[in-house]
Amino acid sequence: MTSITIGVPVSDMAKAKTWYIILLGATKTIQPVPNVFEFEISKGFWLQLIEDPALKAGDGTLRFGVKDIEAEKSRLAIAGISVGKIQEVPGVIRLCRFTDPFGNKLSLYQEI
């Protein structure tokens, strides 16, 4: 494989674009077709927002690996994105959960 694209259903593309730009920070974006907007998270890894009445917004699950979970949680709080309490599986992972405005389940995680 040379790349991967993960699609997330949303019900309001304008709101979704704004919210995910805050979440992801500065990143390469494209809009290949109407009702689809994509973020390149890292080389070859794309997050695709899809506004389609046939898809149920809120059914997505995304987990973002970060180097420093406290710093990322603080950055999101400053940007107005509420993230849950950091939990730990001792010796394995630290994570915190939250949702986007459409009910999609998200989490940040940091490997220990």
N, C-alpha and C. Protein backbone atom coordinates (compact mmCIF):
# COMPACT_ATOMS: atom_id res chain seq x y z
N MET A 1 0.84 -1.18 0.00
CA MET A 1 0.00 0.00 0.00
C MET A 1 0.88 1.25 0.00
N THR A 2 0.39 2.26 -0.69
CA THR A 2 1.13 3.52 -0.74
C THR A 2 0.42 4.64 0.00
N SER A 3 -0.88 4.46 0.29
CA SER A 3 -1.62 5.47 1.04
C SER A 3 -2.89 4.86 1.60
N ILE A 4 -3.53 5.62 2.48
CA ILE A 4 -4.81 5.20 3.03
C ILE A 4 -5.69 6.43 3.20
N THR A 5 -6.97 6.28 2.93
CA THR A 5 -7.94 7.35 3.13
C THR A 5 -9.06 6.79 4.00
N ILE A 6 -9.38 7.51 5.07
CA ILE A 6 -10.45 7.11 5.97
C ILE A 6 -11.58 8.12 5.82
N GLY A 7 -12.78 7.63 5.54
CA GLY A 7 -13.94 8.50 5.36
C GLY A 7 -14.76 8.61 6.64
N VAL A 8 -15.21 9.84 6.93
CA VAL A 8 -16.03 10.11 8.10
C VAL A 8 -17.30 10.82 7.65
N PRO A 9 -18.48 10.26 7.95
CA PRO A 9 -19.72 10.92 7.55
C PRO A 9 -20.04 12.12 8.43
N VAL A 10 -20.44 13.22 7.79
CA VAL A 10 -20.86 14.44 8.49
C VAL A 10 -22.16 14.93 7.88
N SER A 11 -22.90 15.73 8.65
CA SER A 11 -24.18 16.22 8.15
C SER A 11 -24.15 17.69 7.73
N ASP A 12 -23.04 18.39 7.99
CA ASP A 12 -22.91 19.80 7.64
C ASP A 12 -21.45 20.05 7.26
N MET A 13 -21.16 20.07 5.96
CA MET A 13 -19.78 20.15 5.50
C MET A 13 -19.08 21.43 5.95
N ALA A 14 -19.75 22.56 5.89
CA ALA A 14 -19.11 23.82 6.30
C ALA A 14 -18.68 23.76 7.77
N LYS A 15 -19.57 23.30 8.62
CA LYS A 15 -19.25 23.17 10.04
C LYS A 15 -18.15 22.14 10.26
N ALA A 16 -18.21 21.03 9.55
CA ALA A 16 -17.21 19.97 9.69
C ALA A 16 -15.83 20.46 9.27
N LYS A 17 -15.75 21.17 8.15
CA LYS A 17 -14.45 21.68 7.69
C LYS A 17 -13.82 22.58 8.74
N THR A 18 -14.60 23.51 9.27
CA THR A 18 -14.09 24.44 10.28
C THR A 18 -13.62 23.69 11.52
N TRP A 19 -14.43 22.76 12.00
CA TRP A 19 -14.11 22.02 13.23
C TRP A 19 -12.85 21.16 13.04
N TYR A 20 -12.76 20.45 11.92
CA TYR A 20 -11.61 19.58 11.69
C TYR A 20 -10.33 20.37 11.38
N ILE A 21 -10.45 21.55 10.81
CA ILE A 21 -9.27 22.40 10.63
C ILE A 21 -8.70 22.79 12.00
N ILE A 22 -9.57 23.11 12.96
CA ILE A 22 -9.13 23.41 14.32
C ILE A 22 -8.50 22.17 14.94
N LEU A 23 -9.14 21.02 14.80
CA LEU A 23 -8.62 19.78 15.38
C LEU A 23 -7.26 19.41 14.81
N LEU A 24 -7.14 19.44 13.51
CA LEU A 24 -5.94 18.93 12.85
C LEU A 24 -4.84 19.96 12.66
N GLY A 25 -5.17 21.23 12.79
CA GLY A 25 -4.17 22.27 12.56
C GLY A 25 -3.89 22.44 11.08
N ALA A 26 -2.80 23.09 10.77
CA ALA A 26 -2.43 23.35 9.38
C ALA A 26 -2.04 22.04 8.71
N THR A 27 -2.70 21.74 7.64
CA THR A 27 -2.43 20.52 6.88
C THR A 27 -2.88 20.74 5.44
N LYS A 28 -2.39 19.93 4.54
CA LYS A 28 -2.81 20.01 3.14
C LYS A 28 -4.27 19.56 3.03
N THR A 29 -5.08 20.33 2.30
CA THR A 29 -6.49 19.97 2.09
C THR A 29 -6.82 20.02 0.61
N ILE A 30 -7.81 19.22 0.24
CA ILE A 30 -8.34 19.26 -1.12
C ILE A 30 -9.84 19.00 -1.06
N GLN A 31 -10.54 19.45 -2.08
CA GLN A 31 -11.96 19.12 -2.23
C GLN A 31 -12.11 18.52 -3.63
N PRO A 32 -11.94 17.18 -3.74
CA PRO A 32 -11.91 16.54 -5.05
C PRO A 32 -13.24 16.57 -5.80
N VAL A 33 -14.34 16.53 -5.05
CA VAL A 33 -15.69 16.58 -5.64
C VAL A 33 -16.60 17.28 -4.64
N PRO A 34 -17.76 17.75 -5.07
CA PRO A 34 -18.68 18.36 -4.11
C PRO A 34 -19.03 17.37 -2.99
N ASN A 35 -19.22 17.87 -1.79
CA ASN A 35 -19.60 17.09 -0.62
C ASN A 35 -18.52 16.16 -0.09
N VAL A 36 -17.28 16.35 -0.55
CA VAL A 36 -16.14 15.59 -0.04
C VAL A 36 -15.00 16.58 0.19
N PHE A 37 -14.41 16.51 1.38
CA PHE A 37 -13.29 17.39 1.72
C PHE A 37 -12.24 16.52 2.40
N GLU A 38 -10.97 16.67 2.01
CA GLU A 38 -9.93 15.79 2.51
C GLU A 38 -8.77 16.56 3.16
N PHE A 39 -8.23 15.95 4.21
CA PHE A 39 -7.05 16.47 4.91
C PHE A 39 -5.95 15.43 4.79
N GLU A 40 -4.75 15.86 4.41
CA GLU A 40 -3.62 14.95 4.44
C GLU A 40 -2.99 15.06 5.83
N ILE A 41 -3.18 14.03 6.63
CA ILE A 41 -2.69 14.02 8.01
C ILE A 41 -1.17 13.89 8.02
N SER A 42 -0.66 12.99 7.23
CA SER A 42 0.77 12.83 6.99
C SER A 42 0.90 12.22 5.59
N LYS A 43 2.09 12.14 5.07
CA LYS A 43 2.27 11.70 3.69
C LYS A 43 1.56 10.37 3.45
N GLY A 44 0.58 10.40 2.55
CA GLY A 44 -0.15 9.19 2.18
C GLY A 44 -1.29 8.81 3.10
N PHE A 45 -1.57 9.61 4.13
CA PHE A 45 -2.64 9.31 5.07
C PHE A 45 -3.65 10.45 5.04
N TRP A 46 -4.85 10.17 4.53
CA TRP A 46 -5.88 11.18 4.32
C TRP A 46 -7.12 10.91 5.18
N LEU A 47 -7.70 11.99 5.70
CA LEU A 47 -8.99 11.94 6.38
C LEU A 47 -9.98 12.63 5.45
N GLN A 48 -11.04 11.92 5.12
CA GLN A 48 -12.03 12.41 4.16
C GLN A 48 -13.36 12.64 4.87
N LEU A 49 -13.85 13.88 4.83
CA LEU A 49 -15.19 14.20 5.34
C LEU A 49 -16.17 14.00 4.19
N ILE A 50 -17.27 13.32 4.47
CA ILE A 50 -18.25 13.02 3.43
C ILE A 50 -19.62 13.48 3.90
N GLU A 51 -20.24 14.37 3.14
CA GLU A 51 -21.61 14.79 3.44
C GLU A 51 -22.52 14.09 2.43
N ASP A 52 -23.24 13.08 2.91
CA ASP A 52 -24.08 12.26 2.04
C ASP A 52 -25.27 11.78 2.86
N PRO A 53 -26.49 12.12 2.46
CA PRO A 53 -27.66 11.71 3.24
C PRO A 53 -27.79 10.19 3.38
N ALA A 54 -27.16 9.43 2.49
CA ALA A 54 -27.22 7.97 2.58
C ALA A 54 -26.33 7.42 3.69
N LEU A 55 -25.41 8.23 4.19
CA LEU A 55 -24.52 7.82 5.27
C LEU A 55 -25.00 8.45 6.57
N LYS A 56 -24.87 7.75 7.66
CA LYS A 56 -25.32 8.27 8.94
C LYS A 56 -24.17 8.97 9.65
N ALA A 57 -24.25 10.28 9.77
CA ALA A 57 -23.24 11.04 10.52
C ALA A 57 -23.23 10.54 11.95
N GLY A 58 -22.05 10.41 12.49
CA GLY A 58 -21.91 9.95 13.86
C GLY A 58 -21.51 8.49 13.98
N ASP A 59 -21.43 7.77 12.88
CA ASP A 59 -21.06 6.36 12.91
C ASP A 59 -19.56 6.13 12.82
N GLY A 60 -18.78 7.20 12.65
CA GLY A 60 -17.33 7.05 12.49
C GLY A 60 -16.60 6.92 13.82
N THR A 61 -15.44 6.29 13.76
CA THR A 61 -14.54 6.18 14.90
C THR A 61 -13.13 6.50 14.41
N LEU A 62 -12.48 7.47 15.05
CA LEU A 62 -11.13 7.87 14.68
C LEU A 62 -10.27 7.94 15.93
N ARG A 63 -9.06 7.44 15.81
CA ARG A 63 -8.09 7.54 16.90
C ARG A 63 -6.82 8.17 16.36
N PHE A 64 -6.35 9.21 17.04
CA PHE A 64 -5.18 9.95 16.59
C PHE A 64 -4.03 9.72 17.56
N GLY A 65 -2.94 9.14 17.07
CA GLY A 65 -1.75 8.96 17.88
C GLY A 65 -0.98 10.27 17.97
N VAL A 66 -0.57 10.63 19.18
CA VAL A 66 0.17 11.87 19.40
C VAL A 66 1.43 11.58 20.23
N LYS A 67 2.40 12.48 20.14
CA LYS A 67 3.64 12.32 20.90
C LYS A 67 3.47 12.72 22.36
N ASP A 68 2.66 13.78 22.60
CA ASP A 68 2.48 14.32 23.95
C ASP A 68 0.99 14.59 24.16
N ILE A 69 0.32 13.67 24.82
CA ILE A 69 -1.13 13.76 24.97
C ILE A 69 -1.57 14.97 25.80
N GLU A 70 -0.79 15.33 26.83
CA GLU A 70 -1.15 16.50 27.63
C GLU A 70 -1.09 17.78 26.79
N ALA A 71 -0.03 17.92 25.99
CA ALA A 71 0.12 19.11 25.16
C ALA A 71 -1.00 19.18 24.12
N GLU A 72 -1.33 18.07 23.52
CA GLU A 72 -2.40 18.07 22.50
C GLU A 72 -3.75 18.35 23.13
N LYS A 73 -4.02 17.78 24.28
CA LYS A 73 -5.28 18.04 24.98
C LYS A 73 -5.38 19.52 25.34
N SER A 74 -4.29 20.13 25.79
CA SER A 74 -4.27 21.56 26.11
C SER A 74 -4.51 22.41 24.87
N ARG A 75 -3.86 22.05 23.76
CA ARG A 75 -4.05 22.79 22.50
C ARG A 75 -5.51 22.77 22.09
N LEU A 76 -6.15 21.61 22.19
CA LEU A 76 -7.55 21.49 21.80
C LEU A 76 -8.45 22.29 22.74
N ALA A 77 -8.16 22.26 24.04
CA ALA A 77 -8.96 23.03 25.00
C ALA A 77 -8.89 24.52 24.69
N ILE A 78 -7.71 25.01 24.38
CA ILE A 78 -7.55 26.43 24.02
C ILE A 78 -8.35 26.75 22.76
N ALA A 79 -8.44 25.79 21.85
CA ALA A 79 -9.20 25.99 20.60
C ALA A 79 -10.69 25.77 20.78
N GLY A 80 -11.12 25.40 21.99
CA GLY A 80 -12.55 25.24 22.26
C GLY A 80 -13.08 23.83 22.04
N ILE A 81 -12.20 22.85 21.92
CA ILE A 81 -12.62 21.46 21.74
C ILE A 81 -12.43 20.74 23.07
N SER A 82 -13.54 20.28 23.63
CA SER A 82 -13.51 19.60 24.92
C SER A 82 -13.15 18.13 24.73
N VAL A 83 -12.15 17.70 25.50
CA VAL A 83 -11.64 16.34 25.44
C VAL A 83 -11.75 15.73 26.82
N GLY A 84 -12.11 14.46 26.90
CA GLY A 84 -12.28 13.79 28.18
C GLY A 84 -10.99 13.60 28.96
N LYS A 85 -11.14 13.05 30.14
CA LYS A 85 -10.03 12.80 31.06
C LYS A 85 -9.06 11.78 30.44
N ILE A 86 -7.78 11.99 30.70
CA ILE A 86 -6.77 11.05 30.22
C ILE A 86 -6.82 9.80 31.09
N GLN A 87 -6.94 8.66 30.42
CA GLN A 87 -6.94 7.36 31.08
C GLN A 87 -5.68 6.62 30.68
N GLU A 88 -5.28 5.64 31.49
CA GLU A 88 -4.05 4.91 31.18
C GLU A 88 -4.24 3.41 31.35
N VAL A 89 -3.72 2.68 30.39
CA VAL A 89 -3.54 1.25 30.52
C VAL A 89 -2.05 1.11 30.85
N PRO A 90 -1.72 0.80 32.11
CA PRO A 90 -0.33 0.83 32.56
C PRO A 90 0.63 0.08 31.64
N GLY A 91 1.69 0.80 31.28
CA GLY A 91 2.73 0.22 30.44
C GLY A 91 2.38 0.07 28.97
N VAL A 92 1.16 0.49 28.58
CA VAL A 92 0.72 0.28 27.20
C VAL A 92 0.37 1.59 26.49
N ILE A 93 -0.65 2.28 27.02
CA ILE A 93 -1.19 3.43 26.29
C ILE A 93 -1.87 4.40 27.25
N ARG A 94 -1.87 5.68 26.88
CA ARG A 94 -2.66 6.71 27.55
C ARG A 94 -3.63 7.24 26.50
N LEU A 95 -4.88 7.47 26.87
CA LEU A 95 -5.86 7.94 25.88
C LEU A 95 -6.92 8.81 26.52
N CYS A 96 -7.55 9.63 25.69
CA CYS A 96 -8.71 10.41 26.11
C CYS A 96 -9.69 10.45 24.94
N ARG A 97 -10.96 10.42 25.28
CA ARG A 97 -12.02 10.32 24.28
C ARG A 97 -12.79 11.63 24.16
N PHE A 98 -13.38 11.83 22.96
CA PHE A 98 -14.25 12.98 22.71
C PHE A 98 -15.05 12.69 21.45
N THR A 99 -15.93 13.59 21.07
CA THR A 99 -16.71 13.44 19.84
C THR A 99 -16.61 14.71 19.02
N ASP A 100 -16.85 14.54 17.72
CA ASP A 100 -16.95 15.73 16.87
C ASP A 100 -18.39 16.24 16.95
N PRO A 101 -18.72 17.37 16.32
CA PRO A 101 -20.07 17.92 16.41
C PRO A 101 -21.16 17.02 15.83
N PHE A 102 -20.79 15.95 15.15
CA PHE A 102 -21.76 15.08 14.49
C PHE A 102 -21.93 13.75 15.21
N GLY A 103 -21.19 13.58 16.32
CA GLY A 103 -21.30 12.37 17.12
C GLY A 103 -20.29 11.29 16.79
N ASN A 104 -19.39 11.55 15.82
CA ASN A 104 -18.35 10.58 15.53
C ASN A 104 -17.44 10.46 16.75
N LYS A 105 -17.04 9.23 17.07
CA LYS A 105 -16.22 8.97 18.24
C LYS A 105 -14.74 9.15 17.90
N LEU A 106 -14.06 10.01 18.67
CA LEU A 106 -12.65 10.28 18.46
C LEU A 106 -11.88 10.04 19.74
N SER A 107 -10.60 9.82 19.61
CA SER A 107 -9.75 9.76 20.78
C SER A 107 -8.33 10.13 20.40
N LEU A 108 -7.62 10.63 21.39
CA LEU A 108 -6.18 10.85 21.27
C LEU A 108 -5.53 9.72 22.04
N TYR A 109 -4.41 9.23 21.54
CA TYR A 109 -3.68 8.23 22.32
C TYR A 109 -2.18 8.46 22.20
N GLN A 110 -1.49 8.06 23.26
CA GLN A 110 -0.04 8.14 23.31
C GLN A 110 0.47 6.79 23.78
N GLU A 111 1.29 6.19 22.98
CA GLU A 111 1.88 4.92 23.38
C GLU A 111 2.90 5.17 24.48
N ILE A 112 2.96 4.26 25.44
CA ILE A 112 3.91 4.38 26.55
C ILE A 112 5.15 3.59 26.23
